[in-house]
C-alpha atoms as a PDB file:
ATOM      1  CA  LEU A   1      -6.165  12.670 -19.170  1.00  0.00           C
ATOM      2  CA  LYS A   2      -4.309  11.581 -16.054  1.00  0.00           C
ATOM      3  CA  ASN A   3      -4.222   7.947 -17.158  1.00  0.00           C
ATOM      4  CA  LYS A   4      -0.954   7.998 -19.048  1.00  0.00           C
ATOM      5  CA  LYS A   5      -0.681   4.224 -18.868  1.00  0.00           C
ATOM      6  CA  THR A   6      -3.960   3.842 -20.727  1.00  0.00           C
ATOM      7  CA  ILE A   7      -2.730   6.115 -23.521  1.00  0.00           C
ATOM      8  CA  MET A   8       0.527   4.184 -23.810  1.00  0.00           C
ATOM      9  CA  TYR A   9      -1.408   0.936 -23.911  1.00  0.00           C
ATOM     10  CA  LEU A  10      -3.653   2.187 -26.693  1.00  0.00           C
ATOM     11  CA  PHE A  11      -0.675   3.546 -28.579  1.00  0.00           C
ATOM     12  CA  GLN A  12       1.100   0.199 -28.399  1.00  0.00           C
ATOM     13  CA  ASN A  13      -2.051  -1.591 -29.519  1.00  0.00           C
ATOM     14  CA  ILE A  14      -2.231   0.616 -32.610  1.00  0.00           C
ATOM     15  CA  LEU A  15       1.440   0.028 -33.380  1.00  0.00           C
ATOM     16  CA  VAL A  16       0.978  -3.730 -33.312  1.00  0.00           C
END
């Protein structure tokens, strides 16, 4: 997965 931003976004969404 080259889209690191997407992973970070998903991770943050789960944290919320």
